[in-house]
N, C-alpha and C. Protein backbone atom coordinates (compact mmCIF):
# COMPACT_ATOMS: atom_id res chain seq x y z
N MET A 1 92.42 132.03 105.43
CA MET A 1 92.69 131.03 104.81
C MET A 1 92.52 129.43 105.08
N SER A 2 91.36 128.93 104.13
CA SER A 2 91.40 127.61 104.84
C SER A 2 92.31 126.67 104.99
N ARG A 3 91.91 125.71 106.33
CA ARG A 3 93.16 124.71 106.80
C ARG A 3 92.97 123.63 105.78
N LEU A 4 94.43 123.35 105.69
CA LEU A 4 94.64 122.06 104.71
C LEU A 4 94.24 120.91 105.25
N SER A 5 93.75 119.96 104.21
CA SER A 5 93.03 118.51 105.08
C SER A 5 94.38 117.93 105.23
N ILE A 6 94.41 117.00 106.25
CA ILE A 6 95.25 115.93 106.92
C ILE A 6 95.20 114.71 106.47
N SER A 7 94.35 114.57 105.84
CA SER A 7 94.03 113.34 105.12
C SER A 7 95.13 112.72 104.22
N GLU A 8 95.19 111.65 103.82
CA GLU A 8 96.41 111.24 102.76
C GLU A 8 95.92 110.63 101.60
N PRO A 9 94.98 110.91 100.58
CA PRO A 9 94.29 110.56 99.65
C PRO A 9 95.28 109.78 98.43
N ASN A 10 94.86 108.42 98.19
CA ASN A 10 95.70 107.94 97.11
C ASN A 10 95.36 108.44 95.73
N ALA A 11 96.09 108.80 94.97
CA ALA A 11 95.86 109.46 93.64
C ALA A 11 96.72 108.72 92.76
N GLY A 12 96.31 108.19 91.78
CA GLY A 12 97.02 107.90 90.59
C GLY A 12 97.21 109.00 89.84
N GLU A 13 98.01 108.85 88.57
CA GLU A 13 98.26 110.12 87.66
C GLU A 13 96.66 110.85 87.28
N SER A 14 95.76 109.77 86.95
CA SER A 14 94.58 110.77 86.21
C SER A 14 94.09 111.53 87.56
N GLY A 15 94.43 110.90 88.90
CA GLY A 15 93.59 111.34 90.15
C GLY A 15 94.38 112.93 90.29
N VAL A 16 95.65 112.95 90.21
CA VAL A 16 96.60 113.91 90.31
C VAL A 16 96.09 115.04 89.10
N ASP A 17 95.80 114.38 87.85
CA ASP A 17 95.41 115.42 86.77
C ASP A 17 94.49 115.98 87.18
N ASN A 18 93.51 115.22 87.66
CA ASN A 18 92.05 115.92 88.14
C ASN A 18 92.13 116.77 89.14
N LEU A 19 92.98 116.33 90.24
CA LEU A 19 92.88 117.40 91.57
C LEU A 19 93.76 118.63 90.91
N LEU A 20 94.54 118.46 89.84
CA LEU A 20 95.73 119.99 89.46
C LEU A 20 94.20 120.48 88.82
N SER A 21 93.79 120.35 87.90
CA SER A 21 92.79 120.87 87.25
C SER A 21 92.01 121.68 87.84
N HIS A 22 91.43 121.20 88.84
CA HIS A 22 90.08 121.51 89.79
C HIS A 22 90.88 122.78 90.67
N ALA A 23 92.20 122.49 91.14
CA ALA A 23 92.85 123.55 92.04
C ALA A 23 92.92 124.76 90.99
N ARG A 24 93.31 124.45 89.69
CA ARG A 24 93.87 125.62 88.82
C ARG A 24 92.61 126.52 88.54
N LYS A 25 91.36 125.99 88.64
CA LYS A 25 90.22 126.69 88.65
C LYS A 25 89.69 127.24 89.86
N GLY A 26 90.32 127.31 91.06
CA GLY A 26 89.99 127.65 92.27
C GLY A 26 89.44 127.13 93.09
N ASP A 27 89.37 125.71 92.84
CA ASP A 27 88.96 125.10 94.24
C ASP A 27 89.96 124.77 95.41
N GLU A 28 89.66 125.25 96.73
CA GLU A 28 90.56 125.55 97.49
C GLU A 28 90.61 123.88 98.17
N GLN A 29 89.33 123.17 98.20
CA GLN A 29 89.39 121.96 98.85
C GLN A 29 89.96 120.93 98.26
N GLU A 30 90.28 121.16 96.56
CA GLU A 30 90.74 120.31 95.85
C GLU A 30 92.18 120.39 96.12
N LEU A 31 92.55 121.86 95.83
CA LEU A 31 93.95 121.96 96.14
C LEU A 31 94.35 121.97 97.43
N GLY A 32 93.82 121.66 98.60
CA GLY A 32 94.05 121.06 99.75
C GLY A 32 94.33 119.66 99.68
N LYS A 33 93.80 119.15 99.02
CA LYS A 33 94.04 117.37 98.56
C LYS A 33 95.32 117.43 97.76
N LEU A 34 95.55 118.17 96.95
CA LEU A 34 96.43 117.93 96.06
C LEU A 34 97.79 117.87 96.77
N LEU A 35 97.82 118.97 97.43
CA LEU A 35 99.21 119.52 98.18
C LEU A 35 99.43 118.45 99.45
N THR A 36 98.63 118.00 99.90
CA THR A 36 98.57 117.01 100.78
C THR A 36 99.04 115.65 100.22
N LEU A 37 99.10 115.23 99.06
CA LEU A 37 99.81 114.33 98.56
C LEU A 37 101.31 114.57 98.58
N TYR A 38 101.74 115.19 98.56
CA TYR A 38 103.29 115.66 98.56
C TYR A 38 103.87 115.84 99.65
N ARG A 39 103.12 116.00 101.25
CA ARG A 39 103.46 115.85 102.52
C ARG A 39 104.59 115.50 102.68
N ASN A 40 104.38 113.80 102.36
CA ASN A 40 105.36 112.67 102.95
C ASN A 40 106.85 113.31 102.11
N TYR A 41 106.75 113.28 100.56
CA TYR A 41 107.76 113.60 99.88
C TYR A 41 108.54 114.82 100.23
N LEU A 42 107.89 116.03 100.64
CA LEU A 42 108.61 117.35 100.92
C LEU A 42 109.05 116.74 102.61
N THR A 43 108.69 115.99 103.43
CA THR A 43 109.44 115.96 104.52
C THR A 43 110.39 115.28 104.53
N ILE A 44 110.61 114.43 103.94
CA ILE A 44 111.88 113.52 103.40
C ILE A 44 112.83 114.26 103.11
N LEU A 45 112.44 115.13 101.98
CA LEU A 45 113.45 115.92 101.42
C LEU A 45 113.93 117.19 102.40
N ALA A 46 113.03 117.54 103.38
CA ALA A 46 113.48 118.55 104.20
C ALA A 46 114.19 118.04 105.46
N THR A 47 114.16 116.71 105.77
CA THR A 47 114.91 115.83 106.99
C THR A 47 116.23 115.98 106.29
N THR A 48 116.63 115.53 104.98
CA THR A 48 118.02 115.19 104.24
C THR A 48 118.54 116.37 104.48
N GLN A 49 117.97 118.04 104.48
CA GLN A 49 118.81 118.92 103.98
C GLN A 49 118.72 119.77 105.47
N LEU A 50 118.13 119.27 106.43
CA LEU A 50 118.37 120.14 107.86
C LEU A 50 119.95 119.75 108.65
N ASP A 51 120.67 120.46 108.57
CA ASP A 51 122.11 120.38 109.44
C ASP A 51 121.70 120.37 110.78
N ALA A 52 122.70 119.70 111.38
CA ALA A 52 122.74 120.13 113.25
C ALA A 52 122.23 121.29 113.49
N ARG A 53 123.03 122.68 112.91
CA ARG A 53 122.79 123.49 113.69
C ARG A 53 121.42 124.08 113.53
N LEU A 54 120.54 123.68 112.60
CA LEU A 54 119.18 124.14 112.30
C LEU A 54 118.56 123.21 112.56
N ARG A 55 118.83 121.79 113.04
CA ARG A 55 117.90 121.02 113.47
C ARG A 55 117.26 121.17 114.79
N ARG A 56 118.23 121.71 115.29
CA ARG A 56 118.03 122.15 117.26
C ARG A 56 117.21 123.21 117.17
N ARG A 57 116.83 124.03 116.17
CA ARG A 57 115.87 124.71 116.16
C ARG A 57 114.47 125.10 115.40
N ILE A 58 114.45 123.91 114.19
CA ILE A 58 113.07 123.61 113.59
C ILE A 58 113.08 122.40 112.96
N SER A 59 112.01 121.83 113.34
CA SER A 59 111.85 120.74 112.83
C SER A 59 111.39 120.34 111.20
N PRO A 60 111.98 119.27 110.54
CA PRO A 60 110.94 119.30 109.37
C PRO A 60 109.82 119.30 109.27
N SER A 61 109.10 118.98 109.99
CA SER A 61 107.66 119.09 109.99
C SER A 61 107.11 120.30 109.82
N ASP A 62 107.51 121.31 110.61
CA ASP A 62 107.43 122.80 110.85
C ASP A 62 107.95 123.19 109.32
N LEU A 63 109.16 122.87 109.11
CA LEU A 63 109.33 123.42 107.69
C LEU A 63 108.57 123.24 106.35
N VAL A 64 108.24 122.12 106.46
CA VAL A 64 107.06 121.59 105.44
C VAL A 64 105.83 122.48 105.48
N GLN A 65 105.16 122.35 106.87
CA GLN A 65 104.06 123.06 107.05
C GLN A 65 104.26 124.61 106.36
N GLU A 66 105.41 125.21 106.58
CA GLU A 66 105.45 126.64 106.15
C GLU A 66 105.54 126.50 104.76
N ALA A 67 106.13 125.29 104.25
CA ALA A 67 106.05 125.47 102.88
C ALA A 67 104.84 125.09 101.89
N MET A 68 103.99 124.46 102.98
CA MET A 68 102.72 124.11 102.35
C MET A 68 101.68 125.26 102.20
N MET A 69 101.79 125.78 103.43
CA MET A 69 101.29 126.98 103.50
C MET A 69 101.53 128.12 102.49
N GLY A 70 102.82 128.19 102.12
CA GLY A 70 103.18 129.37 101.17
C GLY A 70 102.73 128.86 99.55
N ALA A 71 102.66 127.36 99.49
CA ALA A 71 102.31 126.72 98.26
C ALA A 71 100.81 126.93 98.11
N TYR A 72 100.22 126.64 99.12
CA TYR A 72 98.38 127.45 99.02
C TYR A 72 98.26 128.70 98.82
N ARG A 73 99.15 129.41 99.26
CA ARG A 73 98.93 131.13 99.35
C ARG A 73 99.24 131.40 97.82
N ASP A 74 100.44 130.94 97.06
CA ASP A 74 100.75 131.40 96.24
C ASP A 74 100.59 130.41 94.83
N PHE A 75 99.67 129.32 95.17
CA PHE A 75 99.38 128.62 94.04
C PHE A 75 98.66 129.44 92.64
N PRO A 76 97.98 130.44 92.74
CA PRO A 76 97.52 130.85 91.86
C PRO A 76 98.85 131.66 90.44
N LYS A 77 99.96 131.55 91.52
CA LYS A 77 101.09 131.93 90.66
C LYS A 77 101.84 130.68 89.83
N PHE A 78 101.18 129.42 90.35
CA PHE A 78 101.60 128.34 89.46
C PHE A 78 101.44 128.09 88.26
N ARG A 79 102.27 128.30 86.91
CA ARG A 79 101.80 128.13 85.56
C ARG A 79 101.90 126.59 85.15
N GLY A 80 102.83 125.94 85.80
CA GLY A 80 102.34 124.34 85.41
C GLY A 80 101.27 123.44 85.03
N THR A 81 101.69 122.69 84.33
CA THR A 81 100.08 121.76 83.99
C THR A 81 100.53 120.35 84.31
N THR A 82 101.32 119.94 84.73
CA THR A 82 101.71 118.39 85.05
C THR A 82 102.39 118.28 86.40
N GLU A 83 102.32 117.18 86.90
CA GLU A 83 102.88 116.52 88.14
C GLU A 83 104.00 117.07 88.48
N ARG A 84 104.93 116.74 87.25
CA ARG A 84 106.45 117.01 87.53
C ARG A 84 106.72 118.56 87.81
N GLU A 85 106.07 119.27 86.79
CA GLU A 85 106.05 120.99 87.04
C GLU A 85 105.65 121.43 88.41
N LEU A 86 104.81 120.66 88.91
CA LEU A 86 104.21 120.90 90.07
C LEU A 86 105.52 120.32 91.39
N LEU A 87 105.79 119.67 91.07
CA LEU A 87 106.93 118.63 92.24
C LEU A 87 108.10 119.96 91.97
N ALA A 88 108.55 120.37 90.74
CA ALA A 88 109.52 121.29 91.00
C ALA A 88 109.06 122.44 91.48
N TRP A 89 108.11 122.81 91.61
CA TRP A 89 107.40 124.16 92.28
C TRP A 89 107.75 124.36 93.53
N LEU A 90 107.21 122.82 93.99
CA LEU A 90 107.19 122.77 95.56
C LEU A 90 108.66 122.52 96.05
N ARG A 91 109.68 122.04 95.32
CA ARG A 91 110.83 121.92 95.94
C ARG A 91 111.23 123.35 95.86
N GLN A 92 111.03 124.04 95.05
CA GLN A 92 111.66 125.54 95.37
C GLN A 92 110.94 126.31 96.10
N ILE A 93 109.94 125.93 96.50
CA ILE A 93 109.12 126.77 97.93
C ILE A 93 109.91 126.16 99.25
N LEU A 94 110.01 124.91 99.37
CA LEU A 94 110.86 124.43 100.01
C LEU A 94 112.32 124.90 100.28
N ILE A 95 113.07 125.27 99.03
CA ILE A 95 114.09 125.67 99.40
C ILE A 95 114.20 126.96 99.75
N ASN A 96 113.50 128.06 99.33
CA ASN A 96 112.93 129.36 99.95
C ASN A 96 112.77 129.18 101.41
N CYS A 97 112.14 128.11 101.69
CA CYS A 97 111.79 128.21 103.34
C CYS A 97 113.01 127.50 104.13
N LEU A 98 113.71 126.89 103.24
CA LEU A 98 115.35 126.33 104.23
C LEU A 98 115.88 127.55 104.42
N HIS A 99 116.28 128.39 103.06
CA HIS A 99 117.37 129.59 103.05
C HIS A 99 116.80 130.78 104.16
N HIS A 100 115.08 130.97 104.01
CA HIS A 100 114.76 132.10 105.23
C HIS A 100 115.46 131.10 106.45
N ALA A 101 114.92 129.76 106.78
CA ALA A 101 115.21 129.11 108.20
C ALA A 101 116.96 129.38 108.42
N TYR A 102 117.73 129.41 107.60
CA TYR A 102 119.23 129.55 107.97
C TYR A 102 119.50 131.04 108.51
N GLU A 103 118.59 131.62 107.51
CA GLU A 103 119.08 133.16 108.09
C GLU A 103 118.59 133.62 109.22
N ALA A 104 117.09 133.02 109.62
CA ALA A 104 116.80 133.46 110.81
C ALA A 104 117.51 132.44 111.97
N HIS A 105 117.61 131.45 111.99
CA HIS A 105 117.97 130.43 112.95
C HIS A 105 119.53 130.35 113.52
N VAL A 106 120.32 130.36 112.27
CA VAL A 106 121.92 130.19 112.23
C VAL A 106 122.43 131.15 112.95
N GLN A 107 123.43 131.32 113.93
CA GLN A 107 123.92 132.49 114.22
C GLN A 107 125.00 133.29 113.25
N ALA A 108 124.73 134.47 112.89
CA ALA A 108 125.59 135.24 112.02
C ALA A 108 127.14 135.17 112.21
N GLY A 109 127.59 135.16 113.67
CA GLY A 109 128.70 134.63 114.03
C GLY A 109 129.57 133.79 113.32
N ARG A 110 128.70 132.89 112.65
CA ARG A 110 129.69 132.01 112.36
C ARG A 110 129.84 132.07 110.94
N ARG A 111 130.47 133.10 110.47
CA ARG A 111 130.87 133.22 109.05
C ARG A 111 129.60 133.94 108.42
N ASP A 112 129.56 134.10 107.21
CA ASP A 112 128.26 134.62 106.65
C ASP A 112 127.39 133.48 106.10
N ILE A 113 126.51 133.33 106.48
CA ILE A 113 125.74 132.03 106.14
C ILE A 113 125.15 132.09 104.84
N ARG A 114 124.74 133.54 104.24
CA ARG A 114 124.46 133.73 103.00
C ARG A 114 125.52 133.30 101.85
N ARG A 115 127.01 133.26 102.48
CA ARG A 115 127.81 132.74 101.25
C ARG A 115 128.24 131.00 101.41
N GLU A 116 127.78 130.61 102.71
CA GLU A 116 128.14 129.61 102.87
C GLU A 116 126.77 128.69 102.34
N ILE A 117 125.22 129.05 102.48
CA ILE A 117 124.34 128.20 101.88
C ILE A 117 123.61 129.12 100.80
N SER A 118 123.74 128.97 99.66
CA SER A 118 123.04 129.64 98.44
C SER A 118 121.75 128.85 98.19
N LEU A 119 120.88 129.50 97.31
CA LEU A 119 120.15 128.84 96.99
C LEU A 119 120.34 127.60 96.03
N ASP A 120 121.52 127.98 95.32
CA ASP A 120 121.97 127.20 94.40
C ASP A 120 122.37 125.75 94.69
N ASP A 121 123.35 126.20 95.94
CA ASP A 121 123.76 124.80 96.59
C ASP A 121 122.66 123.98 97.26
N MET A 122 121.49 124.40 97.74
CA MET A 122 120.27 123.77 98.10
C MET A 122 119.85 123.09 97.40
N LYS A 123 119.52 123.66 95.77
CA LYS A 123 118.44 123.07 94.96
C LYS A 123 119.73 121.91 94.61
N GLY A 124 120.78 122.03 94.23
CA GLY A 124 121.69 120.71 94.00
C GLY A 124 121.74 119.49 94.78
N ALA A 125 121.49 119.93 96.16
CA ALA A 125 121.68 119.03 97.15
C ALA A 125 120.16 118.35 97.37
N MET A 126 118.91 119.10 97.18
CA MET A 126 117.91 118.57 96.88
C MET A 126 117.32 117.96 95.92
N ASP A 127 118.03 118.28 94.51
CA ASP A 127 117.91 117.73 93.82
C ASP A 127 118.72 115.93 93.77
N ARG A 128 119.70 116.06 94.31
CA ARG A 128 120.37 114.66 94.67
C ARG A 128 119.82 113.78 95.63
N SER A 129 118.74 114.40 96.32
CA SER A 129 118.30 113.86 97.43
C SER A 129 116.79 113.22 96.78
N VAL A 130 116.34 113.94 95.73
CA VAL A 130 115.33 113.45 95.05
C VAL A 130 115.45 112.14 94.03
N LEU A 131 116.89 111.97 93.44
CA LEU A 131 117.21 110.55 92.85
C LEU A 131 117.81 109.68 93.85
N GLN A 132 118.12 109.97 94.82
CA GLN A 132 118.66 109.11 95.94
C GLN A 132 117.28 108.43 96.18
N LEU A 133 116.14 109.23 96.38
CA LEU A 133 115.24 108.71 97.07
C LEU A 133 114.06 107.81 96.06
N ALA A 134 114.50 108.22 94.84
CA ALA A 134 114.21 107.13 94.17
C ALA A 134 114.66 105.88 93.55
N HIS A 135 116.00 105.78 93.89
CA HIS A 135 116.54 104.68 94.11
C HIS A 135 117.21 103.92 95.14
N VAL A 136 115.98 104.36 96.41
CA VAL A 136 116.47 103.88 97.80
C VAL A 136 116.70 102.15 97.90
N LEU A 137 115.75 101.59 97.00
CA LEU A 137 115.61 100.08 97.19
C LEU A 137 116.78 100.15 95.87
N ALA A 138 116.97 98.42 96.07
CA ALA A 138 117.83 98.04 95.10
C ALA A 138 116.95 97.80 93.73
N ASP A 139 118.14 97.97 92.64
CA ASP A 139 117.69 98.13 91.15
C ASP A 139 116.92 96.41 91.00
N ARG A 140 115.45 96.57 90.88
CA ARG A 140 114.75 95.21 90.72
C ARG A 140 114.38 94.88 89.23
N GLY A 141 115.11 95.49 88.10
CA GLY A 141 114.77 95.41 86.89
C GLY A 141 113.87 96.54 86.36
N PRO A 142 114.20 97.09 85.01
CA PRO A 142 113.63 97.87 84.56
C PRO A 142 112.18 98.13 84.35
N SER A 143 111.59 99.53 84.58
CA SER A 143 110.13 99.65 84.23
C SER A 143 109.64 100.68 83.44
N PRO A 144 108.87 100.16 82.64
CA PRO A 144 108.38 100.98 81.47
C PRO A 144 108.38 102.47 81.74
N SER A 145 107.85 102.84 82.75
CA SER A 145 107.87 104.10 83.10
C SER A 145 109.21 104.89 83.86
N ALA A 146 109.85 103.91 84.54
CA ALA A 146 111.01 104.60 85.24
C ALA A 146 111.78 105.62 84.57
N PRO A 147 111.85 105.71 83.34
CA PRO A 147 113.04 106.53 82.74
C PRO A 147 112.26 107.84 82.88
N VAL A 148 111.04 108.16 82.96
CA VAL A 148 110.07 109.39 82.57
C VAL A 148 109.49 109.83 83.90
N ARG A 149 109.66 108.86 84.91
CA ARG A 149 109.00 109.43 86.11
C ARG A 149 109.30 109.03 87.36
N GLU A 150 110.91 109.09 87.32
CA GLU A 150 111.42 108.88 88.22
C GLU A 150 111.21 109.59 89.54
N ARG A 151 111.12 111.12 89.32
CA ARG A 151 111.03 112.11 90.28
C ARG A 151 109.35 111.63 90.93
N GLU A 152 108.83 111.19 89.98
CA GLU A 152 107.29 110.95 90.77
C GLU A 152 107.45 109.55 91.56
N ARG A 153 108.38 108.80 91.24
CA ARG A 153 108.39 107.47 91.65
C ARG A 153 109.02 107.75 93.41
N ALA A 154 109.69 108.94 93.17
CA ALA A 154 110.07 109.32 94.40
C ALA A 154 109.30 109.52 95.57
N VAL A 155 108.34 110.23 94.85
CA VAL A 155 106.71 110.65 95.66
C VAL A 155 106.32 109.17 96.44
N ALA A 156 106.07 108.20 95.64
CA ALA A 156 105.74 107.00 96.14
C ALA A 156 106.43 106.54 97.13
N ILE A 157 107.59 106.32 96.85
CA ILE A 157 108.58 105.56 98.06
C ILE A 157 108.58 106.62 99.28
N ALA A 158 108.66 107.94 98.96
CA ALA A 158 108.47 108.71 100.48
C ALA A 158 107.01 108.52 101.16
N ASP A 159 106.08 108.01 100.44
CA ASP A 159 104.71 107.58 101.05
C ASP A 159 105.16 106.21 101.71
N GLN A 160 105.82 105.43 101.26
CA GLN A 160 106.29 103.95 101.68
C GLN A 160 107.00 104.10 102.81
N LEU A 161 108.05 105.26 103.10
CA LEU A 161 108.94 105.58 104.15
C LEU A 161 108.04 105.96 105.04
N ALA A 162 106.84 106.73 104.99
CA ALA A 162 105.94 107.31 105.86
C ALA A 162 105.37 106.11 106.61
N LYS A 163 105.40 104.79 106.20
CA LYS A 163 104.59 103.82 106.90
C LYS A 163 105.64 103.17 108.03
N LEU A 164 106.65 103.42 107.92
CA LEU A 164 107.58 102.69 108.87
C LEU A 164 107.75 103.14 110.09
N LYS A 165 108.27 102.69 111.10
CA LYS A 165 108.33 103.09 112.31
C LYS A 165 109.71 103.82 112.41
N PRO A 166 109.41 105.30 113.04
CA PRO A 166 110.63 105.93 113.10
C PRO A 166 111.80 105.84 113.19
N ASP A 167 112.32 104.78 113.75
CA ASP A 167 113.78 104.60 113.73
C ASP A 167 114.19 103.93 112.71
N ASP A 168 113.19 103.02 112.03
CA ASP A 168 113.37 102.52 111.00
C ASP A 168 113.70 103.30 109.63
N ARG A 169 112.69 104.63 109.53
CA ARG A 169 112.78 105.57 108.46
C ARG A 169 113.54 106.46 108.75
N ASP A 170 113.97 106.63 109.88
CA ASP A 170 115.56 107.66 110.38
C ASP A 170 116.75 106.73 109.78
N VAL A 171 117.04 105.56 110.25
CA VAL A 171 118.28 104.97 109.57
C VAL A 171 118.41 105.07 108.12
N ILE A 172 117.09 104.85 107.41
CA ILE A 172 117.34 104.61 105.91
C ILE A 172 117.44 105.87 105.44
N VAL A 173 116.96 107.06 106.02
CA VAL A 173 117.16 108.31 105.55
C VAL A 173 118.12 108.68 105.67
N LEU A 174 119.15 108.57 106.75
CA LEU A 174 120.50 108.84 107.17
C LEU A 174 121.34 108.21 106.15
N ARG A 175 121.26 106.70 105.96
CA ARG A 175 122.12 105.83 105.41
C ARG A 175 121.85 106.10 103.88
N ASN A 176 120.79 105.64 103.30
CA ASN A 176 120.31 105.90 101.90
C ASN A 176 120.66 107.19 101.37
N LEU A 177 119.93 108.24 101.86
CA LEU A 177 119.63 109.76 101.19
C LEU A 177 120.50 110.51 101.76
N GLN A 178 121.26 110.41 103.10
CA GLN A 178 122.33 111.52 103.29
C GLN A 178 123.78 111.01 103.13
N GLY A 179 123.73 109.31 103.06
CA GLY A 179 125.06 108.84 102.73
C GLY A 179 125.99 108.75 104.26
N LEU A 180 125.31 108.71 105.51
CA LEU A 180 126.44 108.91 106.29
C LEU A 180 126.80 107.65 106.69
N SER A 181 127.97 107.67 107.03
CA SER A 181 128.67 106.02 107.78
C SER A 181 127.62 105.70 109.10
N PHE A 182 127.99 104.20 109.23
CA PHE A 182 127.35 103.69 110.66
C PHE A 182 127.83 104.43 111.50
N GLU A 183 128.83 104.85 111.87
CA GLU A 183 129.70 105.62 112.81
C GLU A 183 128.99 106.73 112.95
N GLU A 184 128.87 107.37 111.79
CA GLU A 184 128.15 108.79 111.88
C GLU A 184 126.45 108.69 112.74
N ILE A 185 126.13 107.58 112.09
CA ILE A 185 124.56 107.42 112.22
C ILE A 185 124.40 107.04 113.93
N ALA A 186 125.08 106.29 114.27
CA ALA A 186 125.45 105.67 115.36
C ALA A 186 125.57 107.25 116.25
N VAL A 187 126.24 108.01 116.41
CA VAL A 187 126.58 109.35 117.15
C VAL A 187 124.87 109.80 116.92
N ARG A 188 124.35 110.21 115.62
CA ARG A 188 123.17 110.59 115.63
C ARG A 188 121.94 110.21 116.41
N MET A 189 122.41 108.81 116.23
CA MET A 189 120.69 108.05 116.84
C MET A 189 121.14 107.45 118.35
N GLU A 190 122.30 107.90 118.90
CA GLU A 190 122.79 107.46 120.23
C GLU A 190 123.05 105.88 120.32
N ARG A 191 123.36 105.03 119.27
CA ARG A 191 123.61 103.78 119.55
C ARG A 191 125.07 103.37 119.08
N LYS A 192 125.31 101.88 119.26
CA LYS A 192 126.75 101.53 118.71
C LYS A 192 126.57 101.22 117.52
N PRO A 193 127.59 101.37 116.45
CA PRO A 193 127.73 101.13 114.97
C PRO A 193 127.43 100.16 114.67
N GLY A 194 127.74 99.05 115.78
CA GLY A 194 126.89 97.49 115.03
C GLY A 194 125.74 97.50 115.12
N ALA A 195 124.94 98.04 116.19
CA ALA A 195 123.66 98.07 116.42
C ALA A 195 122.69 99.13 115.30
N VAL A 196 123.47 99.92 114.74
CA VAL A 196 122.88 100.61 113.69
C VAL A 196 123.04 99.80 112.54
N ARG A 197 124.05 99.26 111.96
CA ARG A 197 124.00 98.24 110.80
C ARG A 197 122.86 97.40 111.04
N MET A 198 122.97 96.62 112.05
CA MET A 198 121.49 95.64 112.15
C MET A 198 120.50 96.20 112.02
N LEU A 199 120.53 97.64 112.56
CA LEU A 199 118.82 98.03 112.44
C LEU A 199 118.60 98.54 110.99
N TRP A 200 119.85 98.99 110.43
CA TRP A 200 119.83 99.22 108.68
C TRP A 200 119.21 98.18 108.01
N LEU A 201 120.05 96.89 108.24
CA LEU A 201 119.62 95.93 107.53
C LEU A 201 118.22 95.28 107.74
N ARG A 202 117.34 95.50 109.12
CA ARG A 202 116.24 95.32 109.32
C ARG A 202 115.51 95.97 108.61
N ALA A 203 115.50 97.10 108.63
CA ALA A 203 114.65 98.52 108.24
C ALA A 203 114.61 98.51 106.87
N ILE A 204 115.62 97.84 106.18
CA ILE A 204 115.54 97.72 104.72
C ILE A 204 114.67 96.65 104.17
N GLU A 205 114.89 95.88 105.20
CA GLU A 205 114.09 94.33 104.85
C GLU A 205 112.44 94.96 104.84
N ARG A 206 112.36 95.27 106.22
CA ARG A 206 110.77 95.82 106.62
C ARG A 206 110.42 96.49 105.38
N PHE A 207 110.87 97.40 104.80
CA PHE A 207 110.86 98.72 103.60
C PHE A 207 110.49 98.01 102.52
N ARG A 208 111.30 96.75 102.20
CA ARG A 208 111.04 96.02 100.81
C ARG A 208 109.32 95.29 101.24
N GLN A 209 109.40 94.86 102.02
CA GLN A 209 107.97 94.12 102.78
C GLN A 209 106.50 95.20 102.52
N VAL A 210 106.90 96.29 103.08
CA VAL A 210 106.02 97.68 102.80
C VAL A 210 105.75 97.88 101.31
N CYS A 211 106.76 98.23 100.52
CA CYS A 211 106.88 98.19 99.36
C CYS A 211 106.08 97.42 98.49
N GLU A 212 106.15 95.65 99.28
CA GLU A 212 105.59 94.91 98.12
C GLU A 212 104.27 94.27 98.70
N MET A 213 103.73 94.90 99.69
CA MET A 213 102.56 94.84 100.04
C MET A 213 101.32 95.73 99.19
N PRO A 214 100.17 94.78 98.71
CA PRO A 214 99.04 95.34 98.17
C PRO A 214 98.60 96.57 98.79
N GLU A 215 97.79 97.45 97.79
CA GLU A 215 97.64 98.67 98.64
C GLU A 215 95.76 98.27 99.18
């Protein structure tokens, strides 16, 4: 199998449609470019779904790489024609990878993990993360495309989050997407709650600045 491109091409709606069209015709290079557009998006989602037990065994980037390889391999099975359908398909692949990771890495002795973690549970949690990701910034007024492109907007926001320094990105993910308290984040990041609160405030401001910068 060909190696996926590691570049991050910018693509508007028409660009995505064009890549998707060529990928459906069997163009492996265009398929690689298409899937790479969603690496940041899948990484943010994977980060929000990994609990402490699994985070010690596998990283979000490893999980996403597995999902990307699966998507590349199974793309001929994809029957959708739109970006939204592609995103739903990619999320399902990531959910399956998460489920397999739990089964492979979490000790069976801690009750039956298959009862605790179902595909439906993961899908519900990931859907909530998608919606939270799309609204991670304060509401800045209605957009004509917002009601119908909420999930696509989540992709754009994930790309903006990827531009931040790791600590800034992590504190936003932990606070805004996972809904952790400052005390919980302090334990995770090995900082004091007050320092975490200040880090979060500065990170949100830097995130706004990144989102406002012209491409």
